[in-house]
């Protein structure tokens, strides 16, 4: 089974959201359909970054690693490294 770390960016206010899931497209829809209270104020969201993992715990570990940095600059570095 494949798991993903994902980063969304709000098209409304530019804020980033970091999460992990098995199905990135379904999760993005949930964020944009107000199913996640913490992201309601930023709708619409767009997917700007993903990383793939073979294990759920690794995806969650990476999610928390990024969140612990509390760094917009680091998130923008990650997004910029994909192009």
C-alpha atoms as a PDB file:
ATOM      1  CA  UNK A   1       0.000   0.000   0.000  1.00  0.00           C
ATOM      2  CA  UNK A   2       1.238   3.523  -0.790  1.00  0.00           C
ATOM      3  CA  UNK A   3       0.990   6.497   1.538  1.00  0.00           C
ATOM      4  CA  UNK A   4       1.654  10.144   0.815  1.00  0.00           C
ATOM      5  CA  UNK A   5       2.834  13.221   2.589  1.00  0.00           C
ATOM      6  CA  UNK A   6       1.136  16.184   0.939  1.00  0.00           C
ATOM      7  CA  UNK A   7       1.311  19.954   1.116  1.00  0.00           C
ATOM      8  CA  UNK A   8      -1.619  22.124   0.094  1.00  0.00           C
ATOM      9  CA  UNK A   9      -1.631  25.862  -0.467  1.00  0.00           C
ATOM     10  CA  UNK A  10      -4.673  28.032   0.013  1.00  0.00           C
ATOM     11  CA  UNK A  11      -5.535  29.990  -3.113  1.00  0.00           C
ATOM     12  CA  UNK A  12      -7.413  32.397  -0.833  1.00  0.00           C
ATOM     13  CA  UNK A  13      -4.714  33.396   1.665  1.00  0.00           C
ATOM     14  CA  UNK A  14      -1.497  31.604   0.599  1.00  0.00           C
ATOM     15  CA  UNK A  15      -1.328  29.502   3.783  1.00  0.00           C
ATOM     16  CA  UNK A  16       0.161  26.002   3.657  1.00  0.00           C
ATOM     17  CA  UNK A  17      -1.265  22.801   5.119  1.00  0.00           C
ATOM     18  CA  UNK A  18       0.795  19.634   5.636  1.00  0.00           C
ATOM     19  CA  UNK A  19      -0.854  16.219   5.958  1.00  0.00           C
ATOM     20  CA  UNK A  20      -0.595  12.533   5.091  1.00  0.00           C
ATOM     21  CA  UNK A  21      -3.039  10.152   3.432  1.00  0.00           C
ATOM     22  CA  UNK A  22      -3.470   7.108   1.188  1.00  0.00           C
ATOM     23  CA  UNK A  23      -5.485   8.986  -1.441  1.00  0.00           C
ATOM     24  CA  UNK A  24      -4.284  12.525  -2.158  1.00  0.00           C
ATOM     25  CA  UNK A  25      -7.079  13.444  -4.589  1.00  0.00           C
ATOM     26  CA  UNK A  26      -9.820  12.321  -2.217  1.00  0.00           C
ATOM     27  CA  UNK A  27      -8.169  14.163   0.680  1.00  0.00           C
ATOM     28  CA  UNK A  28      -7.896  17.364  -1.380  1.00  0.00           C
ATOM     29  CA  UNK A  29     -11.623  17.148  -2.120  1.00  0.00           C
ATOM     30  CA  UNK A  30     -12.349  16.769   1.593  1.00  0.00           C
ATOM     31  CA  UNK A  31     -10.361  19.919   2.343  1.00  0.00           C
ATOM     32  CA  UNK A  32     -12.140  21.844  -0.400  1.00  0.00           C
ATOM     33  CA  UNK A  33     -15.590  20.588   0.661  1.00  0.00           C
ATOM     34  CA  UNK A  34     -15.201  21.953   4.226  1.00  0.00           C
ATOM     35  CA  UNK A  35     -14.830  18.462   5.729  1.00  0.00           C
ATOM     36  CA  UNK A  36     -11.691  19.496   7.649  1.00  0.00           C
ATOM     37  CA  UNK A  37     -12.333  22.228  10.245  1.00  0.00           C
ATOM     38  CA  UNK A  38      -8.728  23.446  10.334  1.00  0.00           C
ATOM     39  CA  UNK A  39      -8.724  24.238   6.603  1.00  0.00           C
ATOM     40  CA  UNK A  40     -12.236  25.657   6.098  1.00  0.00           C
ATOM     41  CA  UNK A  41     -11.042  29.271   6.111  1.00  0.00           C
ATOM     42  CA  UNK A  42      -8.548  28.680   3.276  1.00  0.00           C
ATOM     43  CA  UNK A  43     -10.813  27.196   0.607  1.00  0.00           C
ATOM     44  CA  UNK A  44      -9.975  26.696  -2.236  1.00  0.00           C
ATOM     45  CA  UNK A  45      -6.821  24.591  -1.699  1.00  0.00           C
ATOM     46  CA  UNK A  46      -4.443  23.340  -4.371  1.00  0.00           C
ATOM     47  CA  UNK A  47      -1.943  20.490  -4.152  1.00  0.00           C
ATOM     48  CA  UNK A  48       1.621  21.835  -4.390  1.00  0.00           C
ATOM     49  CA  UNK A  49       3.828  18.964  -3.153  1.00  0.00           C
ATOM     50  CA  UNK A  50       3.803  15.218  -2.429  1.00  0.00           C
ATOM     51  CA  UNK A  51       6.210  12.555  -1.212  1.00  0.00           C
ATOM     52  CA  UNK A  52       5.469   8.830  -1.545  1.00  0.00           C
ATOM     53  CA  UNK A  53       6.032   6.212   1.178  1.00  0.00           C
ATOM     54  CA  UNK A  54       5.525   2.458   1.357  1.00  0.00           C
ATOM     55  CA  UNK A  55       4.566   2.618   5.035  1.00  0.00           C
ATOM     56  CA  UNK A  56       1.970   4.752   6.845  1.00  0.00           C
ATOM     57  CA  UNK A  57       4.225   5.397   9.834  1.00  0.00           C
ATOM     58  CA  UNK A  58       6.957   6.808   7.572  1.00  0.00           C
ATOM     59  CA  UNK A  59       4.500   9.229   5.949  1.00  0.00           C
ATOM     60  CA  UNK A  60       3.269  10.400   9.368  1.00  0.00           C
ATOM     61  CA  UNK A  61       6.833  10.695  10.652  1.00  0.00           C
ATOM     62  CA  UNK A  62       7.726  12.921   7.672  1.00  0.00           C
ATOM     63  CA  UNK A  63       4.555  14.996   8.196  1.00  0.00           C
ATOM     64  CA  UNK A  64       5.512  15.707  11.818  1.00  0.00           C
ATOM     65  CA  UNK A  65       9.126  16.399  10.846  1.00  0.00           C
ATOM     66  CA  UNK A  66       7.964  19.179   8.515  1.00  0.00           C
ATOM     67  CA  UNK A  67       5.387  20.514  11.002  1.00  0.00           C
ATOM     68  CA  UNK A  68       7.975  20.644  13.821  1.00  0.00           C
ATOM     69  CA  UNK A  69      10.143  22.986  11.751  1.00  0.00           C
ATOM     70  CA  UNK A  70       7.310  25.545  11.739  1.00  0.00           C
ATOM     71  CA  UNK A  71       8.996  27.045   8.704  1.00  0.00           C
ATOM     72  CA  UNK A  72       7.233  28.494   5.686  1.00  0.00           C
ATOM     73  CA  UNK A  73      10.682  28.948   4.144  1.00  0.00           C
ATOM     74  CA  UNK A  74      11.405  25.200   4.408  1.00  0.00           C
ATOM     75  CA  UNK A  75       8.043  24.313   2.845  1.00  0.00           C
ATOM     76  CA  UNK A  76       8.746  26.710  -0.015  1.00  0.00           C
ATOM     77  CA  UNK A  77      12.194  25.135  -0.425  1.00  0.00           C
ATOM     78  CA  UNK A  78      10.572  21.681  -0.741  1.00  0.00           C
ATOM     79  CA  UNK A  79       8.025  22.943  -3.269  1.00  0.00           C
ATOM     80  CA  UNK A  80      10.760  24.697  -5.273  1.00  0.00           C
ATOM     81  CA  UNK A  81      12.934  21.569  -5.379  1.00  0.00           C
ATOM     82  CA  UNK A  82      10.308  19.675  -7.410  1.00  0.00           C
ATOM     83  CA  UNK A  83      10.447  21.785 -10.565  1.00  0.00           C
END
